[in-house]
């Protein structure tokens, strides 16, 4: 996917998980080394609402020379988040492979935009319309049904009733 994006002239910010072993180990070590120097710049953001409080800290570093080969890779990004809800606090760390060096604030905005697409489009389509469980596979039916689901989701969102989309 990274090759396809770069071949068309685009840039990527791809989330890294532990299942991408060598690259994930490299990003963890690179950030541990950067943290040890104490000179790592970051952008911090805090939000409160709906009984939750969340703090995010984004950092971006250049890829070390010992990094495994990955198409177009020039930087790594990290977002450390701490969320407090119902008197319980949890922390998570998200890493990303970047094809362009970004400042931490821009990186944080890009990743938040991606998460909002996931939370406001993909999640409702799966939970309300069970899109992931759809068995439609023939001809143009999957694409046609996807368009109809999105139209239905837009109609439900614009309806003035304050009920959840699932209840509407």
N, C-alpha and C. Protein backbone atom coordinates (compact mmCIF):
# COMPACT_ATOMS: atom_id res chain seq x y z
N UNK A 1 0.83 -1.18 0.00
CA UNK A 1 0.00 0.00 0.00
C UNK A 1 0.88 1.25 0.00
N UNK A 2 1.96 1.23 0.78
CA UNK A 2 2.86 2.38 0.82
C UNK A 2 3.45 2.65 -0.57
N UNK A 3 3.81 1.59 -1.27
CA UNK A 3 4.36 1.74 -2.63
C UNK A 3 3.32 2.37 -3.56
N UNK A 4 2.09 1.92 -3.48
CA UNK A 4 1.02 2.45 -4.34
C UNK A 4 0.77 3.93 -4.06
N UNK A 5 0.76 4.32 -2.80
CA UNK A 5 0.53 5.72 -2.43
C UNK A 5 1.65 6.58 -2.97
N UNK A 6 2.89 6.15 -2.76
CA UNK A 6 4.05 6.94 -3.22
C UNK A 6 4.11 6.98 -4.75
N UNK A 7 3.75 5.87 -5.41
CA UNK A 7 3.79 5.83 -6.88
C UNK A 7 2.84 6.85 -7.49
N UNK A 8 1.76 7.17 -6.79
CA UNK A 8 0.79 8.15 -7.30
C UNK A 8 1.09 9.56 -6.79
N UNK A 9 2.23 9.73 -6.12
CA UNK A 9 2.65 11.06 -5.67
C UNK A 9 2.10 11.48 -4.32
N UNK A 10 1.45 10.59 -3.62
CA UNK A 10 0.88 10.92 -2.31
C UNK A 10 1.84 10.61 -1.18
N UNK A 11 1.44 10.99 0.01
CA UNK A 11 2.20 10.69 1.22
C UNK A 11 1.32 9.86 2.13
N UNK A 12 1.95 9.16 3.06
CA UNK A 12 1.18 8.30 3.96
C UNK A 12 1.58 8.52 5.41
N UNK A 13 0.66 8.18 6.29
CA UNK A 13 0.88 8.08 7.73
C UNK A 13 0.19 6.78 8.12
N UNK A 14 0.97 5.70 8.14
CA UNK A 14 0.42 4.36 8.38
C UNK A 14 0.68 3.93 9.82
N UNK A 15 -0.37 3.51 10.49
CA UNK A 15 -0.22 3.03 11.86
C UNK A 15 0.64 1.78 11.91
N UNK A 16 1.50 1.71 12.91
CA UNK A 16 2.36 0.54 13.11
C UNK A 16 1.91 -0.21 14.35
N UNK A 17 1.83 -1.52 14.22
CA UNK A 17 1.48 -2.37 15.34
C UNK A 17 2.56 -3.42 15.51
N UNK A 18 2.50 -4.13 16.59
CA UNK A 18 3.53 -5.12 16.92
C UNK A 18 3.60 -6.26 15.90
N UNK A 19 2.55 -6.45 15.10
CA UNK A 19 2.60 -7.53 14.12
C UNK A 19 3.51 -7.21 12.93
N UNK A 20 4.02 -6.00 12.87
CA UNK A 20 5.03 -5.64 11.87
C UNK A 20 6.37 -5.59 12.61
N UNK A 21 6.80 -6.77 13.08
CA UNK A 21 7.91 -6.97 14.00
C UNK A 21 9.13 -6.08 13.88
N UNK A 22 9.95 -6.22 12.82
CA UNK A 22 11.20 -5.47 12.76
C UNK A 22 11.00 -3.95 12.74
N UNK A 23 10.01 -3.48 12.00
CA UNK A 23 9.77 -2.04 11.92
C UNK A 23 9.25 -1.51 13.25
N UNK A 24 8.38 -2.28 13.90
CA UNK A 24 7.83 -1.87 15.20
C UNK A 24 8.94 -1.82 16.25
N UNK A 25 9.82 -2.82 16.25
CA UNK A 25 10.94 -2.83 17.20
C UNK A 25 11.86 -1.63 16.95
N UNK A 26 12.05 -1.30 15.69
CA UNK A 26 12.89 -0.16 15.32
C UNK A 26 12.30 1.16 15.83
N UNK A 27 10.99 1.35 15.65
CA UNK A 27 10.36 2.59 16.08
C UNK A 27 10.39 2.70 17.61
N UNK A 28 10.17 1.61 18.31
CA UNK A 28 10.24 1.65 19.78
C UNK A 28 11.64 2.04 20.25
N UNK A 29 12.65 1.43 19.65
CA UNK A 29 14.04 1.72 20.04
C UNK A 29 14.40 3.16 19.68
N UNK A 30 13.98 3.62 18.50
CA UNK A 30 14.29 4.98 18.08
C UNK A 30 13.70 6.01 19.03
N UNK A 31 12.46 5.80 19.47
CA UNK A 31 11.85 6.74 20.40
C UNK A 31 12.45 6.62 21.80
N UNK A 32 12.82 5.41 22.21
CA UNK A 32 13.48 5.25 23.51
C UNK A 32 14.81 6.00 23.51
N UNK A 33 15.57 5.90 22.42
CA UNK A 33 16.84 6.63 22.31
C UNK A 33 16.60 8.14 22.31
N UNK A 34 15.59 8.59 21.58
CA UNK A 34 15.27 10.02 21.52
C UNK A 34 14.82 10.54 22.88
N UNK A 35 14.03 9.74 23.60
CA UNK A 35 13.58 10.13 24.94
C UNK A 35 14.75 10.25 25.90
N UNK A 36 15.74 9.38 25.73
CA UNK A 36 16.90 9.38 26.62
C UNK A 36 17.72 10.67 26.48
N UNK A 37 17.70 11.27 25.30
CA UNK A 37 18.45 12.51 25.10
C UNK A 37 17.75 13.70 25.76
N UNK A 38 16.44 13.62 25.92
CA UNK A 38 15.67 14.69 26.54
C UNK A 38 15.43 15.88 25.62
N UNK A 39 15.76 15.75 24.34
CA UNK A 39 15.63 16.86 23.41
C UNK A 39 14.50 16.64 22.39
N UNK A 40 13.61 15.70 22.67
CA UNK A 40 12.54 15.37 21.75
C UNK A 40 11.44 16.43 21.82
N UNK A 41 11.13 17.06 20.69
CA UNK A 41 10.06 18.07 20.69
C UNK A 41 8.71 17.36 20.56
N UNK A 42 7.68 18.00 21.09
CA UNK A 42 6.36 17.38 21.07
C UNK A 42 5.28 18.46 21.03
N UNK A 43 4.09 18.03 20.70
CA UNK A 43 2.89 18.87 20.74
C UNK A 43 1.90 18.16 21.65
N UNK A 44 1.32 18.90 22.58
CA UNK A 44 0.38 18.29 23.52
C UNK A 44 -1.00 18.89 23.32
N UNK A 45 -2.02 18.05 23.50
CA UNK A 45 -3.41 18.48 23.33
C UNK A 45 -4.23 17.82 24.43
N UNK A 46 -5.16 18.58 25.01
CA UNK A 46 -6.06 18.04 26.03
C UNK A 46 -7.50 18.32 25.64
N UNK A 47 -8.37 17.38 25.95
CA UNK A 47 -9.80 17.53 25.68
C UNK A 47 -10.59 16.99 26.85
N UNK A 48 -11.77 17.58 27.08
CA UNK A 48 -12.69 17.11 28.10
C UNK A 48 -14.09 17.10 27.53
N UNK A 49 -14.86 16.13 27.94
CA UNK A 49 -16.25 16.08 27.52
C UNK A 49 -16.85 14.72 27.74
N UNK A 50 -18.16 14.68 27.96
CA UNK A 50 -18.90 13.43 28.15
C UNK A 50 -18.32 12.60 29.31
N UNK A 51 -17.86 13.29 30.35
CA UNK A 51 -17.33 12.59 31.51
C UNK A 51 -15.94 12.01 31.31
N UNK A 52 -15.26 12.40 30.23
CA UNK A 52 -13.92 11.89 29.94
C UNK A 52 -12.94 13.05 29.82
N UNK A 53 -11.70 12.76 30.14
CA UNK A 53 -10.63 13.71 29.94
C UNK A 53 -9.50 12.98 29.24
N UNK A 54 -8.97 13.57 28.17
CA UNK A 54 -7.92 12.90 27.42
C UNK A 54 -6.80 13.88 27.10
N UNK A 55 -5.57 13.38 27.26
CA UNK A 55 -4.39 14.16 26.94
C UNK A 55 -3.58 13.37 25.92
N UNK A 56 -3.16 14.06 24.85
CA UNK A 56 -2.35 13.42 23.81
C UNK A 56 -1.07 14.19 23.62
N UNK A 57 0.02 13.45 23.43
CA UNK A 57 1.32 14.07 23.18
C UNK A 57 1.92 13.43 21.93
N UNK A 58 2.16 14.26 20.91
CA UNK A 58 2.68 13.77 19.63
C UNK A 58 4.14 14.18 19.46
N UNK A 59 4.93 13.26 18.90
CA UNK A 59 6.34 13.49 18.60
C UNK A 59 6.65 12.88 17.25
N UNK A 60 7.61 13.46 16.54
CA UNK A 60 8.04 12.94 15.25
C UNK A 60 9.57 12.93 15.23
N UNK A 61 10.14 11.83 14.74
CA UNK A 61 11.60 11.73 14.60
C UNK A 61 11.94 11.20 13.21
N UNK A 62 13.14 11.52 12.77
CA UNK A 62 13.62 10.99 11.49
C UNK A 62 13.92 9.50 11.65
N UNK A 63 13.82 8.77 10.57
CA UNK A 63 14.08 7.33 10.61
C UNK A 63 15.58 7.09 10.81
N UNK A 64 15.93 6.22 11.75
CA UNK A 64 17.36 5.90 11.93
C UNK A 64 17.91 5.13 10.73
N UNK A 65 19.20 5.21 10.55
CA UNK A 65 19.83 4.55 9.39
C UNK A 65 19.69 3.03 9.45
N UNK A 66 19.52 2.47 10.63
CA UNK A 66 19.42 1.01 10.77
C UNK A 66 18.00 0.48 10.59
N UNK A 67 17.08 1.33 10.16
CA UNK A 67 15.67 0.92 10.02
C UNK A 67 15.52 -0.08 8.88
N UNK A 68 14.61 -1.03 9.03
CA UNK A 68 14.34 -1.97 7.94
C UNK A 68 13.80 -1.23 6.72
N UNK A 69 13.98 -1.82 5.57
CA UNK A 69 13.51 -1.20 4.32
C UNK A 69 11.98 -1.13 4.32
N UNK A 70 11.47 0.05 3.95
CA UNK A 70 10.03 0.27 3.85
C UNK A 70 9.85 1.37 2.82
N UNK A 71 8.99 1.20 1.83
CA UNK A 71 8.87 2.16 0.72
C UNK A 71 8.56 3.59 1.17
N UNK A 72 9.46 4.51 0.84
CA UNK A 72 9.23 5.92 1.09
C UNK A 72 9.33 6.37 2.53
N UNK A 73 9.75 5.52 3.43
CA UNK A 73 9.78 5.85 4.86
C UNK A 73 10.86 6.89 5.16
N UNK A 74 10.46 8.02 5.79
CA UNK A 74 11.43 9.05 6.16
C UNK A 74 11.32 9.46 7.63
N UNK A 75 10.21 9.13 8.29
CA UNK A 75 10.04 9.54 9.69
C UNK A 75 9.11 8.58 10.42
N UNK A 76 9.21 8.63 11.74
CA UNK A 76 8.30 7.88 12.62
C UNK A 76 7.55 8.90 13.46
N UNK A 77 6.30 8.61 13.77
CA UNK A 77 5.51 9.44 14.66
C UNK A 77 5.00 8.62 15.83
N UNK A 78 4.82 9.29 16.95
CA UNK A 78 4.29 8.61 18.15
C UNK A 78 3.27 9.53 18.80
N UNK A 79 2.15 8.92 19.20
CA UNK A 79 1.15 9.64 19.98
C UNK A 79 0.93 8.85 21.27
N UNK A 80 1.21 9.52 22.37
CA UNK A 80 0.97 8.93 23.69
C UNK A 80 -0.33 9.54 24.20
N UNK A 81 -1.28 8.69 24.54
CA UNK A 81 -2.55 9.22 25.02
C UNK A 81 -2.85 8.67 26.41
N UNK A 82 -3.43 9.53 27.21
CA UNK A 82 -3.84 9.16 28.57
C UNK A 82 -5.29 9.59 28.72
N UNK A 83 -6.15 8.64 29.03
CA UNK A 83 -7.59 8.90 29.09
C UNK A 83 -8.11 8.57 30.48
N UNK A 84 -8.87 9.50 31.04
CA UNK A 84 -9.49 9.30 32.34
C UNK A 84 -11.00 9.35 32.17
N UNK A 85 -11.67 8.27 32.57
CA UNK A 85 -13.13 8.19 32.50
C UNK A 85 -13.60 7.35 33.68
N UNK A 86 -14.63 7.82 34.35
CA UNK A 86 -15.19 7.09 35.50
C UNK A 86 -14.12 6.76 36.53
N UNK A 87 -13.27 7.73 36.82
CA UNK A 87 -12.20 7.62 37.82
C UNK A 87 -11.16 6.55 37.48
N UNK A 88 -11.15 6.07 36.25
CA UNK A 88 -10.12 5.12 35.81
C UNK A 88 -9.28 5.78 34.72
N UNK A 89 -7.98 5.58 34.82
CA UNK A 89 -7.06 6.16 33.84
C UNK A 89 -6.38 5.05 33.07
N UNK A 90 -6.32 5.22 31.75
CA UNK A 90 -5.63 4.26 30.89
C UNK A 90 -4.70 5.01 29.95
N UNK A 91 -3.62 4.35 29.59
CA UNK A 91 -2.65 4.97 28.69
C UNK A 91 -2.40 4.06 27.49
N UNK A 92 -2.19 4.68 26.33
CA UNK A 92 -1.88 3.95 25.10
C UNK A 92 -0.81 4.71 24.34
N UNK A 93 -0.05 3.96 23.55
CA UNK A 93 0.95 4.57 22.68
C UNK A 93 0.68 4.08 21.26
N UNK A 94 0.57 5.02 20.31
CA UNK A 94 0.34 4.71 18.91
C UNK A 94 1.55 5.17 18.12
N UNK A 95 2.04 4.31 17.22
CA UNK A 95 3.16 4.67 16.36
C UNK A 95 2.69 4.72 14.91
N UNK A 96 3.39 5.51 14.10
CA UNK A 96 3.06 5.62 12.68
C UNK A 96 4.34 5.73 11.86
N UNK A 97 4.28 5.15 10.66
CA UNK A 97 5.34 5.30 9.67
C UNK A 97 4.92 6.45 8.76
N UNK A 98 5.84 7.38 8.51
CA UNK A 98 5.52 8.58 7.74
C UNK A 98 6.40 8.68 6.50
N UNK A 99 5.82 9.10 5.39
CA UNK A 99 6.58 9.29 4.17
C UNK A 99 7.02 10.75 4.03
N UNK A 100 6.70 11.56 5.01
CA UNK A 100 7.05 12.98 4.99
C UNK A 100 7.32 13.41 6.42
N UNK A 101 8.35 14.21 6.62
CA UNK A 101 8.63 14.72 7.97
C UNK A 101 7.59 15.80 8.28
N UNK A 102 6.90 15.61 9.37
CA UNK A 102 5.86 16.56 9.80
C UNK A 102 6.24 17.13 11.15
N UNK A 103 5.77 18.33 11.45
CA UNK A 103 5.96 18.81 12.81
C UNK A 103 4.94 18.08 13.70
N UNK A 104 5.20 17.97 14.99
CA UNK A 104 4.31 17.20 15.87
C UNK A 104 2.86 17.66 15.85
N UNK A 105 2.62 18.95 15.75
CA UNK A 105 1.24 19.45 15.72
C UNK A 105 0.49 18.99 14.48
N UNK A 106 1.13 19.05 13.34
CA UNK A 106 0.51 18.60 12.08
C UNK A 106 0.26 17.10 12.12
N UNK A 107 1.24 16.35 12.63
CA UNK A 107 1.09 14.90 12.75
C UNK A 107 -0.12 14.56 13.63
N UNK A 108 -0.27 15.25 14.74
CA UNK A 108 -1.40 15.01 15.64
C UNK A 108 -2.73 15.30 14.95
N UNK A 109 -2.80 16.40 14.20
CA UNK A 109 -4.05 16.73 13.48
C UNK A 109 -4.38 15.68 12.42
N UNK A 110 -3.37 15.20 11.70
CA UNK A 110 -3.60 14.18 10.67
C UNK A 110 -4.13 12.90 11.29
N UNK A 111 -3.52 12.46 12.37
CA UNK A 111 -3.96 11.21 13.00
C UNK A 111 -5.35 11.35 13.62
N UNK A 112 -5.65 12.52 14.21
CA UNK A 112 -6.98 12.74 14.77
C UNK A 112 -8.04 12.74 13.66
N UNK A 113 -7.71 13.28 12.50
CA UNK A 113 -8.63 13.27 11.37
C UNK A 113 -8.91 11.84 10.94
N UNK A 114 -7.87 11.02 10.89
CA UNK A 114 -8.07 9.61 10.53
C UNK A 114 -8.97 8.92 11.55
N UNK A 115 -8.73 9.15 12.84
CA UNK A 115 -9.55 8.51 13.86
C UNK A 115 -10.99 8.98 13.77
N UNK A 116 -11.22 10.25 13.41
CA UNK A 116 -12.60 10.73 13.32
C UNK A 116 -13.32 10.06 12.15
N UNK A 117 -12.62 9.79 11.04
CA UNK A 117 -13.24 9.06 9.93
C UNK A 117 -13.61 7.66 10.40
N UNK A 118 -12.71 7.02 11.12
CA UNK A 118 -12.97 5.67 11.63
C UNK A 118 -14.17 5.68 12.58
N UNK A 119 -14.20 6.64 13.49
CA UNK A 119 -15.26 6.67 14.51
C UNK A 119 -16.60 7.18 13.98
N UNK A 120 -16.58 8.08 13.02
CA UNK A 120 -17.83 8.68 12.56
C UNK A 120 -18.38 8.05 11.29
N UNK A 121 -17.59 7.22 10.61
CA UNK A 121 -18.09 6.59 9.39
C UNK A 121 -18.01 5.07 9.47
N UNK A 122 -16.82 4.54 9.60
CA UNK A 122 -16.67 3.08 9.55
C UNK A 122 -17.34 2.38 10.72
N UNK A 123 -17.19 2.90 11.92
CA UNK A 123 -17.79 2.25 13.08
C UNK A 123 -19.31 2.23 12.98
N UNK A 124 -19.99 3.37 12.69
CA UNK A 124 -21.46 3.30 12.57
C UNK A 124 -21.93 2.37 11.44
N UNK A 125 -21.17 2.35 10.34
CA UNK A 125 -21.58 1.46 9.25
C UNK A 125 -21.53 0.01 9.68
N UNK A 126 -20.55 -0.34 10.50
CA UNK A 126 -20.46 -1.72 10.95
C UNK A 126 -21.45 -2.02 12.06
N UNK A 127 -21.57 -1.12 13.03
CA UNK A 127 -22.44 -1.39 14.18
C UNK A 127 -23.92 -1.27 13.82
N UNK A 128 -24.30 -0.24 13.06
CA UNK A 128 -25.71 -0.03 12.74
C UNK A 128 -26.15 -0.88 11.56
N UNK A 129 -25.33 -0.92 10.52
CA UNK A 129 -25.72 -1.62 9.29
C UNK A 129 -25.02 -2.97 9.12
N UNK A 130 -24.18 -3.35 10.06
CA UNK A 130 -23.46 -4.64 10.03
C UNK A 130 -22.73 -4.83 8.70
N UNK A 131 -22.07 -3.77 8.24
CA UNK A 131 -21.41 -3.79 6.94
C UNK A 131 -20.31 -4.85 6.86
N UNK A 132 -19.55 -5.05 7.93
CA UNK A 132 -18.47 -6.05 7.90
C UNK A 132 -19.01 -7.47 7.73
N UNK A 133 -20.25 -7.70 8.13
CA UNK A 133 -20.83 -9.03 8.00
C UNK A 133 -21.61 -9.24 6.71
N UNK A 134 -21.64 -8.23 5.84
CA UNK A 134 -22.39 -8.34 4.60
C UNK A 134 -21.82 -9.45 3.72
N UNK A 135 -22.66 -10.26 3.15
CA UNK A 135 -22.24 -11.39 2.32
C UNK A 135 -22.38 -11.11 0.83
N UNK A 136 -22.73 -9.90 0.48
CA UNK A 136 -22.92 -9.54 -0.92
C UNK A 136 -21.57 -9.51 -1.63
N UNK A 137 -21.43 -10.29 -2.71
CA UNK A 137 -20.14 -10.39 -3.38
C UNK A 137 -20.21 -10.27 -4.90
N UNK A 138 -21.38 -10.28 -5.48
CA UNK A 138 -21.53 -10.43 -6.92
C UNK A 138 -21.66 -9.10 -7.64
N UNK A 139 -20.97 -8.99 -8.77
CA UNK A 139 -21.05 -7.83 -9.67
C UNK A 139 -20.84 -6.52 -8.92
N UNK A 140 -21.74 -5.56 -9.10
CA UNK A 140 -21.59 -4.25 -8.47
C UNK A 140 -22.42 -4.12 -7.19
N UNK A 141 -23.01 -5.19 -6.75
CA UNK A 141 -23.87 -5.14 -5.57
C UNK A 141 -23.15 -4.61 -4.33
N UNK A 142 -21.90 -5.03 -4.01
CA UNK A 142 -21.24 -4.49 -2.81
C UNK A 142 -21.07 -2.97 -2.86
N UNK A 143 -20.66 -2.45 -4.03
CA UNK A 143 -20.49 -1.00 -4.15
C UNK A 143 -21.82 -0.27 -4.05
N UNK A 144 -22.85 -0.82 -4.69
CA UNK A 144 -24.18 -0.18 -4.65
C UNK A 144 -24.74 -0.15 -3.24
N UNK A 145 -24.62 -1.26 -2.52
CA UNK A 145 -25.11 -1.29 -1.14
C UNK A 145 -24.31 -0.36 -0.23
N UNK A 146 -23.01 -0.24 -0.47
CA UNK A 146 -22.18 0.68 0.32
C UNK A 146 -22.65 2.11 0.14
N UNK A 147 -22.98 2.49 -1.08
CA UNK A 147 -23.50 3.85 -1.35
C UNK A 147 -24.83 4.05 -0.64
N UNK A 148 -25.73 3.06 -0.73
CA UNK A 148 -27.03 3.17 -0.06
C UNK A 148 -26.89 3.28 1.45
N UNK A 149 -25.94 2.53 2.04
CA UNK A 149 -25.72 2.61 3.49
C UNK A 149 -25.26 4.00 3.89
N UNK A 150 -24.37 4.58 3.11
CA UNK A 150 -23.87 5.93 3.42
C UNK A 150 -24.99 6.97 3.27
N UNK A 151 -25.82 6.82 2.28
CA UNK A 151 -26.97 7.73 2.12
C UNK A 151 -27.89 7.60 3.33
N UNK A 152 -28.19 6.37 3.74
CA UNK A 152 -29.04 6.14 4.90
C UNK A 152 -28.42 6.73 6.16
N UNK A 153 -27.11 6.58 6.32
CA UNK A 153 -26.42 7.14 7.48
C UNK A 153 -26.54 8.67 7.48
N UNK A 154 -26.38 9.30 6.33
CA UNK A 154 -26.53 10.76 6.23
C UNK A 154 -27.96 11.18 6.59
N UNK A 155 -28.94 10.45 6.12
CA UNK A 155 -30.34 10.77 6.43
C UNK A 155 -30.58 10.65 7.94
N UNK A 156 -30.07 9.60 8.54
CA UNK A 156 -30.25 9.42 9.98
C UNK A 156 -29.55 10.52 10.78
N UNK A 157 -28.40 10.94 10.33
CA UNK A 157 -27.67 12.00 11.04
C UNK A 157 -28.40 13.33 10.97
N UNK A 158 -29.05 13.61 9.86
CA UNK A 158 -29.73 14.90 9.71
C UNK A 158 -31.12 14.92 10.34
N UNK A 159 -31.64 13.77 10.71
CA UNK A 159 -32.96 13.71 11.35
C UNK A 159 -32.89 14.46 12.68
N UNK A 160 -33.90 15.30 12.99
CA UNK A 160 -33.83 16.14 14.19
C UNK A 160 -33.98 15.40 15.52
N UNK A 161 -34.43 14.17 15.51
CA UNK A 161 -34.59 13.42 16.75
C UNK A 161 -33.24 13.26 17.45
N UNK A 162 -33.20 13.37 18.77
CA UNK A 162 -31.95 13.28 19.52
C UNK A 162 -31.52 11.86 19.85
N UNK A 163 -32.25 10.87 19.37
CA UNK A 163 -31.88 9.48 19.62
C UNK A 163 -30.58 9.12 18.90
N UNK A 164 -29.96 8.05 19.34
CA UNK A 164 -28.75 7.59 18.67
C UNK A 164 -29.09 7.09 17.27
N UNK A 165 -28.08 6.99 16.44
CA UNK A 165 -28.30 6.51 15.07
C UNK A 165 -28.85 5.09 15.10
N UNK A 166 -28.37 4.26 15.99
CA UNK A 166 -28.85 2.89 16.08
C UNK A 166 -30.33 2.84 16.44
N UNK A 167 -30.78 3.73 17.34
CA UNK A 167 -32.19 3.75 17.72
C UNK A 167 -33.07 4.34 16.63
N UNK A 168 -32.56 5.31 15.89
CA UNK A 168 -33.33 5.89 14.78
C UNK A 168 -33.60 4.82 13.75
